[in-house]
Amino acid sequence: MTSVFARAVVKYGERGVQYSLQESGCVAENIHIQTAALGLGTVMVGAFDELEVGRLIGVGKDEKPLLLMPIGALS
């Protein structure tokens, strides 16, 4: 999951960053619910190298990786 904080900041000022982070939490919750409904599993990963992940997924210079959520079969 990524965000371009500048877009939210233009509309909401500095609270735009907070709103972006809150929204990412809501999206993550829905991903957890949907994976469970499908019999799959996921976890939120926040400890990663943002620059390397950004490079691997091809984000723009203003886009910031927030969290990773690998999805897979439960064992």
PDB file of N, CA and C in Angstrom:
ATOM      1  N   MET A   1       0.852  -1.149   0.000  1.00  0.00           N
ATOM      2  CA  MET A   1       0.000   0.000   0.000  1.00  0.00           C
ATOM      3  C   MET A   1       0.910   1.227   0.000  1.00  0.00           C
ATOM      4  N   THR A   2       0.543   2.209  -0.807  1.00  0.00           N
ATOM      5  CA  THR A   2       1.351   3.421  -0.906  1.00  0.00           C
ATOM      6  C   THR A   2       0.460   4.650  -0.769  1.00  0.00           C
ATOM      7  N   SER A   3       1.094   5.800  -0.604  1.00  0.00           N
ATOM      8  CA  SER A   3       0.360   7.058  -0.546  1.00  0.00           C
ATOM      9  C   SER A   3       1.203   8.168  -1.143  1.00  0.00           C
ATOM     10  N   VAL A   4       0.516   9.137  -1.730  1.00  0.00           N
ATOM     11  CA  VAL A   4       1.144  10.392  -2.140  1.00  0.00           C
ATOM     12  C   VAL A   4       0.587  11.432  -1.176  1.00  0.00           C
ATOM     13  N   PHE A   5       1.312  11.667  -0.104  1.00  0.00           N
ATOM     14  CA  PHE A   5       0.826  12.547   0.951  1.00  0.00           C
ATOM     15  C   PHE A   5       0.503  13.948   0.438  1.00  0.00           C
ATOM     16  N   ALA A   6       1.247  14.425  -0.537  1.00  0.00           N
ATOM     17  CA  ALA A   6       1.050  15.791  -1.034  1.00  0.00           C
ATOM     18  C   ALA A   6      -0.372  16.012  -1.536  1.00  0.00           C
ATOM     19  N   ARG A   7      -0.985  14.982  -2.106  1.00  0.00           N
ATOM     20  CA  ARG A   7      -2.360  15.137  -2.601  1.00  0.00           C
ATOM     21  C   ARG A   7      -3.327  15.433  -1.470  1.00  0.00           C
ATOM     22  N   ALA A   8      -3.176  14.722  -0.364  1.00  0.00           N
ATOM     23  CA  ALA A   8      -4.071  14.940   0.782  1.00  0.00           C
ATOM     24  C   ALA A   8      -3.739  16.246   1.493  1.00  0.00           C
ATOM     25  N   VAL A   9      -2.468  16.598   1.538  1.00  0.00           N
ATOM     26  CA  VAL A   9      -2.049  17.819   2.225  1.00  0.00           C
ATOM     27  C   VAL A   9      -2.596  19.051   1.511  1.00  0.00           C
ATOM     28  N   VAL A  10      -2.681  18.999   0.194  1.00  0.00           N
ATOM     29  CA  VAL A  10      -3.239  20.129  -0.557  1.00  0.00           C
ATOM     30  C   VAL A  10      -4.657  20.423  -0.095  1.00  0.00           C
ATOM     31  N   LYS A  11      -5.427  19.374   0.147  1.00  0.00           N
ATOM     32  CA  LYS A  11      -6.827  19.547   0.534  1.00  0.00           C
ATOM     33  C   LYS A  11      -7.011  19.763   2.033  1.00  0.00           C
ATOM     34  N   TYR A  12      -6.254  19.005   2.869  1.00  0.00           N
ATOM     35  CA  TYR A  12      -6.499  18.993   4.309  1.00  0.00           C
ATOM     36  C   TYR A  12      -5.380  19.600   5.148  1.00  0.00           C
ATOM     37  N   GLY A  13      -4.380  20.167   4.536  1.00  0.00           N
ATOM     38  CA  GLY A  13      -3.245  20.683   5.298  1.00  0.00           C
ATOM     39  C   GLY A  13      -2.439  19.532   5.869  1.00  0.00           C
ATOM     40  N   GLU A  14      -1.702  19.811   6.930  1.00  0.00           N
ATOM     41  CA  GLU A  14      -0.842  18.778   7.520  1.00  0.00           C
ATOM     42  C   GLU A  14      -1.621  17.569   8.019  1.00  0.00           C
ATOM     43  N   ARG A  15      -2.905  17.719   8.307  1.00  0.00           N
ATOM     44  CA  ARG A  15      -3.709  16.561   8.733  1.00  0.00           C
ATOM     45  C   ARG A  15      -3.885  15.568   7.589  1.00  0.00           C
ATOM     46  N   GLY A  16      -3.577  15.984   6.382  1.00  0.00           N
ATOM     47  CA  GLY A  16      -3.671  15.082   5.238  1.00  0.00           C
ATOM     48  C   GLY A  16      -2.810  13.841   5.409  1.00  0.00           C
ATOM     49  N   VAL A  17      -1.644  13.984   6.024  1.00  0.00           N
ATOM     50  CA  VAL A  17      -0.780  12.831   6.280  1.00  0.00           C
ATOM     51  C   VAL A  17      -1.485  11.886   7.246  1.00  0.00           C
ATOM     52  N   GLN A  18      -2.039  12.428   8.318  1.00  0.00           N
ATOM     53  CA  GLN A  18      -2.765  11.613   9.297  1.00  0.00           C
ATOM     54  C   GLN A  18      -3.937  10.902   8.632  1.00  0.00           C
ATOM     55  N   TYR A  19      -4.697  11.616   7.819  1.00  0.00           N
ATOM     56  CA  TYR A  19      -5.846  11.002   7.153  1.00  0.00           C
ATOM     57  C   TYR A  19      -5.413   9.879   6.217  1.00  0.00           C
ATOM     58  N   SER A  20      -4.297  10.074   5.529  1.00  0.00           N
ATOM     59  CA  SER A  20      -3.791   9.024   4.635  1.00  0.00           C
ATOM     60  C   SER A  20      -3.432   7.764   5.416  1.00  0.00           C
ATOM     61  N   LEU A  21      -2.795   7.940   6.557  1.00  0.00           N
ATOM     62  CA  LEU A  21      -2.423   6.796   7.382  1.00  0.00           C
ATOM     63  C   LEU A  21      -3.658   6.103   7.963  1.00  0.00           C
ATOM     64  N   GLN A  22      -4.636   6.886   8.392  1.00  0.00           N
ATOM     65  CA  GLN A  22      -5.878   6.297   8.900  1.00  0.00           C
ATOM     66  C   GLN A  22      -6.575   5.493   7.796  1.00  0.00           C
ATOM     67  N   GLU A  23      -6.614   6.053   6.606  1.00  0.00           N
ATOM     68  CA  GLU A  23      -7.263   5.357   5.485  1.00  0.00           C
ATOM     69  C   GLU A  23      -6.545   4.055   5.158  1.00  0.00           C
ATOM     70  N   SER A  24      -5.214   4.055   5.235  1.00  0.00           N
ATOM     71  CA  SER A  24      -4.480   2.812   4.960  1.00  0.00           C
ATOM     72  C   SER A  24      -4.837   1.738   5.982  1.00  0.00           C
ATOM     73  N   GLY A  25      -5.083   2.136   7.234  1.00  0.00           N
ATOM     74  CA  GLY A  25      -5.516   1.177   8.247  1.00  0.00           C
ATOM     75  C   GLY A  25      -6.879   0.589   7.937  1.00  0.00           C
ATOM     76  N   CYS A  26      -7.786   1.428   7.440  1.00  0.00           N
ATOM     77  CA  CYS A  26      -9.124   0.947   7.066  1.00  0.00           C
ATOM     78  C   CYS A  26      -9.042  -0.015   5.882  1.00  0.00           C
ATOM     79  N   VAL A  27      -8.219   0.304   4.913  1.00  0.00           N
ATOM     80  CA  VAL A  27      -8.035  -0.578   3.755  1.00  0.00           C
ATOM     81  C   VAL A  27      -7.433  -1.907   4.211  1.00  0.00           C
ATOM     82  N   ALA A  28      -6.433  -1.842   5.087  1.00  0.00           N
ATOM     83  CA  ALA A  28      -5.804  -3.066   5.588  1.00  0.00           C
ATOM     84  C   ALA A  28      -6.818  -3.947   6.313  1.00  0.00           C
ATOM     85  N   GLU A  29      -7.690  -3.342   7.098  1.00  0.00           N
ATOM     86  CA  GLU A  29      -8.712  -4.113   7.798  1.00  0.00           C
ATOM     87  C   GLU A  29      -9.614  -4.849   6.802  1.00  0.00           C
ATOM     88  N   ASN A  30     -10.003  -4.155   5.747  1.00  0.00           N
ATOM     89  CA  ASN A  30     -10.855  -4.788   4.736  1.00  0.00           C
ATOM     90  C   ASN A  30     -10.132  -5.904   3.992  1.00  0.00           C
ATOM     91  N   ILE A  31      -8.843  -5.748   3.776  1.00  0.00           N
ATOM     92  CA  ILE A  31      -8.065  -6.825   3.150  1.00  0.00           C
ATOM     93  C   ILE A  31      -8.025  -8.032   4.080  1.00  0.00           C
ATOM     94  N   HIS A  32      -7.834  -7.806   5.381  1.00  0.00           N
ATOM     95  CA  HIS A  32      -7.857  -8.910   6.357  1.00  0.00           C
ATOM     96  C   HIS A  32      -9.198  -9.642   6.317  1.00  0.00           C
ATOM     97  N   ILE A  33     -10.292  -8.895   6.312  1.00  0.00           N
ATOM     98  CA  ILE A  33     -11.632  -9.493   6.297  1.00  0.00           C
ATOM     99  C   ILE A  33     -11.849 -10.302   5.023  1.00  0.00           C
ATOM    100  N   GLN A  34     -11.465  -9.738   3.884  1.00  0.00           N
ATOM    101  CA  GLN A  34     -11.690 -10.430   2.612  1.00  0.00           C
ATOM    102  C   GLN A  34     -10.837 -11.689   2.485  1.00  0.00           C
ATOM    103  N   THR A  35      -9.574 -11.615   2.928  1.00  0.00           N
ATOM    104  CA  THR A  35      -8.742 -12.819   2.838  1.00  0.00           C
ATOM    105  C   THR A  35      -9.296 -13.920   3.733  1.00  0.00           C
ATOM    106  N   ALA A  36      -9.780 -13.557   4.912  1.00  0.00           N
ATOM    107  CA  ALA A  36     -10.383 -14.555   5.804  1.00  0.00           C
ATOM    108  C   ALA A  36     -11.614 -15.175   5.152  1.00  0.00           C
ATOM    109  N   ALA A  37     -12.428 -14.362   4.501  1.00  0.00           N
ATOM    110  CA  ALA A  37     -13.629 -14.866   3.837  1.00  0.00           C
ATOM    111  C   ALA A  37     -13.280 -15.833   2.707  1.00  0.00           C
ATOM    112  N   LEU A  38     -12.122 -15.639   2.116  1.00  0.00           N
ATOM    113  CA  LEU A  38     -11.673 -16.506   1.020  1.00  0.00           C
ATOM    114  C   LEU A  38     -10.861 -17.700   1.519  1.00  0.00           C
ATOM    115  N   GLY A  39     -10.706 -17.824   2.832  1.00  0.00           N
ATOM    116  CA  GLY A  39      -9.928 -18.919   3.390  1.00  0.00           C
ATOM    117  C   GLY A  39      -8.433 -18.720   3.234  1.00  0.00           C
ATOM    118  N   LEU A  40      -8.013 -17.483   3.084  1.00  0.00           N
ATOM    119  CA  LEU A  40      -6.601 -17.153   2.932  1.00  0.00           C
ATOM    120  C   LEU A  40      -6.123 -16.426   4.179  1.00  0.00           C
ATOM    121  N   GLY A  41      -4.857 -16.105   4.211  1.00  0.00           N
ATOM    122  CA  GLY A  41      -4.302 -15.379   5.338  1.00  0.00           C
ATOM    123  C   GLY A  41      -3.463 -14.210   4.867  1.00  0.00           C
ATOM    124  N   THR A  42      -3.283 -13.242   5.736  1.00  0.00           N
ATOM    125  CA  THR A  42      -2.420 -12.100   5.456  1.00  0.00           C
ATOM    126  C   THR A  42      -1.902 -11.539   6.769  1.00  0.00           C
ATOM    127  N   VAL A  43      -0.869 -10.762   6.691  1.00  0.00           N
ATOM    128  CA  VAL A  43      -0.323 -10.025   7.828  1.00  0.00           C
ATOM    129  C   VAL A  43       0.087  -8.647   7.328  1.00  0.00           C
ATOM    130  N   MET A  44       0.142  -7.693   8.242  1.00  0.00           N
ATOM    131  CA  MET A  44       0.656  -6.373   7.877  1.00  0.00           C
ATOM    132  C   MET A  44       2.139  -6.331   8.207  1.00  0.00           C
ATOM    133  N   VAL A  45       2.929  -5.899   7.259  1.00  0.00           N
ATOM    134  CA  VAL A  45       4.372  -5.784   7.444  1.00  0.00           C
ATOM    135  C   VAL A  45       4.737  -4.308   7.328  1.00  0.00           C
ATOM    136  N   GLY A  46       5.270  -3.760   8.402  1.00  0.00           N
ATOM    137  CA  GLY A  46       5.667  -2.363   8.382  1.00  0.00           C
ATOM    138  C   GLY A  46       7.176  -2.178   8.416  1.00  0.00           C
ATOM    139  N   ALA A  47       7.902  -3.232   8.732  1.00  0.00           N
ATOM    140  CA  ALA A  47       9.360  -3.160   8.823  1.00  0.00           C
ATOM    141  C   ALA A  47       9.967  -3.628   7.510  1.00  0.00           C
ATOM    142  N   PHE A  48      10.225  -2.681   6.616  1.00  0.00           N
ATOM    143  CA  PHE A  48      10.819  -2.995   5.320  1.00  0.00           C
ATOM    144  C   PHE A  48      11.614  -1.792   4.838  1.00  0.00           C
ATOM    145  N   ASP A  49      12.444  -2.007   3.866  1.00  0.00           N
ATOM    146  CA  ASP A  49      13.254  -0.945   3.275  1.00  0.00           C
ATOM    147  C   ASP A  49      12.389  -0.189   2.266  1.00  0.00           C
ATOM    148  N   GLU A  50      11.902   1.001   2.645  1.00  0.00           N
ATOM    149  CA  GLU A  50      10.983   1.735   1.770  1.00  0.00           C
ATOM    150  C   GLU A  50      11.572   2.057   0.411  1.00  0.00           C
ATOM    151  N   LEU A  51      12.838   2.429   0.371  1.00  0.00           N
ATOM    152  CA  LEU A  51      13.450   2.778  -0.906  1.00  0.00           C
ATOM    153  C   LEU A  51      13.508   1.567  -1.830  1.00  0.00           C
ATOM    154  N   GLU A  52      13.896   0.420  -1.273  1.00  0.00           N
ATOM    155  CA  GLU A  52      13.992  -0.795  -2.087  1.00  0.00           C
ATOM    156  C   GLU A  52      12.615  -1.267  -2.544  1.00  0.00           C
ATOM    157  N   VAL A  53      11.637  -1.253  -1.653  1.00  0.00           N
ATOM    158  CA  VAL A  53      10.281  -1.653  -2.039  1.00  0.00           C
ATOM    159  C   VAL A  53       9.736  -0.684  -3.091  1.00  0.00           C
ATOM    160  N   GLY A  54       9.937   0.605  -2.877  1.00  0.00           N
ATOM    161  CA  GLY A  54       9.494   1.598  -3.859  1.00  0.00           C
ATOM    162  C   GLY A  54      10.112   1.358  -5.225  1.00  0.00           C
ATOM    163  N   ARG A  55      11.406   1.029  -5.233  1.00  0.00           N
ATOM    164  CA  ARG A  55      12.084   0.742  -6.495  1.00  0.00           C
ATOM    165  C   ARG A  55      11.502  -0.507  -7.151  1.00  0.00           C
ATOM    166  N   LEU A  56      11.278  -1.553  -6.361  1.00  0.00           N
ATOM    167  CA  LEU A  56      10.775  -2.814  -6.905  1.00  0.00           C
ATOM    168  C   LEU A  56       9.373  -2.687  -7.492  1.00  0.00           C
ATOM    169  N   ILE A  57       8.513  -1.894  -6.846  1.00  0.00           N
ATOM    170  CA  ILE A  57       7.141  -1.777  -7.341  1.00  0.00           C
ATOM    171  C   ILE A  57       6.947  -0.571  -8.254  1.00  0.00           C
ATOM    172  N   GLY A  58       8.001   0.216  -8.445  1.00  0.00           N
ATOM    173  CA  GLY A  58       7.955   1.305  -9.416  1.00  0.00           C
ATOM    174  C   GLY A  58       7.121   2.511  -9.006  1.00  0.00           C
ATOM    175  N   VAL A  59       7.235   2.931  -7.733  1.00  0.00           N
ATOM    176  CA  VAL A  59       6.478   4.102  -7.301  1.00  0.00           C
ATOM    177  C   VAL A  59       7.122   5.380  -7.817  1.00  0.00           C
ATOM    178  N   GLY A  60       6.308   6.426  -7.908  1.00  0.00           N
ATOM    179  CA  GLY A  60       6.815   7.732  -8.306  1.00  0.00           C
ATOM    180  C   GLY A  60       7.626   8.354  -7.184  1.00  0.00           C
ATOM    181  N   LYS A  61       8.316   9.446  -7.499  1.00  0.00           N
ATOM    182  CA  LYS A  61       9.197  10.055  -6.501  1.00  0.00           C
ATOM    183  C   LYS A  61       8.438  10.636  -5.311  1.00  0.00           C
ATOM    184  N   ASP A  62       7.168  10.987  -5.483  1.00  0.00           N
ATOM    185  CA  ASP A  62       6.372  11.537  -4.386  1.00  0.00           C
ATOM    186  C   ASP A  62       5.546  10.486  -3.657  1.00  0.00           C
ATOM    187  N   GLU A  63       5.619   9.240  -4.116  1.00  0.00           N
ATOM    188  CA  GLU A  63       4.809   8.173  -3.543  1.00  0.00           C
ATOM    189  C   GLU A  63       5.612   7.423  -2.486  1.00  0.00           C
ATOM    190  N   LYS A  64       4.954   7.133  -1.358  1.00  0.00           N
ATOM    191  CA  LYS A  64       5.659   6.492  -0.239  1.00  0.00           C
ATOM    192  C   LYS A  64       5.007   5.155   0.100  1.00  0.00           C
ATOM    193  N   PRO A  65       5.781   4.068   0.092  1.00  0.00           N
ATOM    194  CA  PRO A  65       5.248   2.785   0.553  1.00  0.00           C
ATOM    195  C   PRO A  65       4.918   2.866   2.048  1.00  0.00           C
ATOM    196  N   LEU A  66       3.703   2.418   2.423  1.00  0.00           N
ATOM    197  CA  LEU A  66       3.272   2.476   3.813  1.00  0.00           C
ATOM    198  C   LEU A  66       3.338   1.133   4.493  1.00  0.00           C
ATOM    199  N   LEU A  67       2.839   0.097   3.822  1.00  0.00           N
ATOM    200  CA  LEU A  67       2.864  -1.241   4.402  1.00  0.00           C
ATOM    201  C   LEU A  67       2.722  -2.288   3.322  1.00  0.00           C
ATOM    202  N   LEU A  68       3.158  -3.473   3.664  1.00  0.00           N
ATOM    203  CA  LEU A  68       3.039  -4.624   2.773  1.00  0.00           C
ATOM    204  C   LEU A  68       2.042  -5.589   3.386  1.00  0.00           C
ATOM    205  N   MET A  69       1.297  -6.276   2.533  1.00  0.00           N
ATOM    206  CA  MET A  69       0.346  -7.287   3.006  1.00  0.00           C
ATOM    207  C   MET A  69       0.416  -8.509   2.095  1.00  0.00           C
ATOM    208  N   PRO A  70       1.359  -9.416   2.381  1.00  0.00           N
ATOM    209  CA  PRO A  70       1.397 -10.645   1.593  1.00  0.00           C
ATOM    210  C   PRO A  70       0.137 -11.457   1.865  1.00  0.00           C
ATOM    211  N   ILE A  71      -0.388 -12.071   0.824  1.00  0.00           N
ATOM    212  CA  ILE A  71      -1.614 -12.871   0.931  1.00  0.00           C
ATOM    213  C   ILE A  71      -1.293 -14.276   0.453  1.00  0.00           C
ATOM    214  N   GLY A  72      -1.724 -15.280   1.220  1.00  0.00           N
ATOM    215  CA  GLY A  72      -1.452 -16.648   0.816  1.00  0.00           C
ATOM    216  C   GLY A  72      -2.354 -17.654   1.509  1.00  0.00           C
ATOM    217  N   ALA A  73      -2.155 -18.897   1.119  1.00  0.00           N
ATOM    218  CA  ALA A  73      -2.935 -19.997   1.678  1.00  0.00           C
ATOM    219  C   ALA A  73      -2.507 -20.253   3.120  1.00  0.00           C
ATOM    220  N   LEU A  74      -3.454 -20.622   3.945  1.00  0.00           N
ATOM    221  CA  LEU A  74      -3.156 -20.990   5.325  1.00  0.00           C
ATOM    222  C   LEU A  74      -2.690 -22.439   5.355  1.00  0.00           C
ATOM    223  N   SER A  75      -1.738 -22.745   6.208  1.00  0.00           N
ATOM    224  CA  SER A  75      -1.256 -24.122   6.279  1.00  0.00           C
ATOM    225  C   SER A  75      -1.885 -24.879   7.411  1.00  0.00           C
TER     226      SER A  75
END
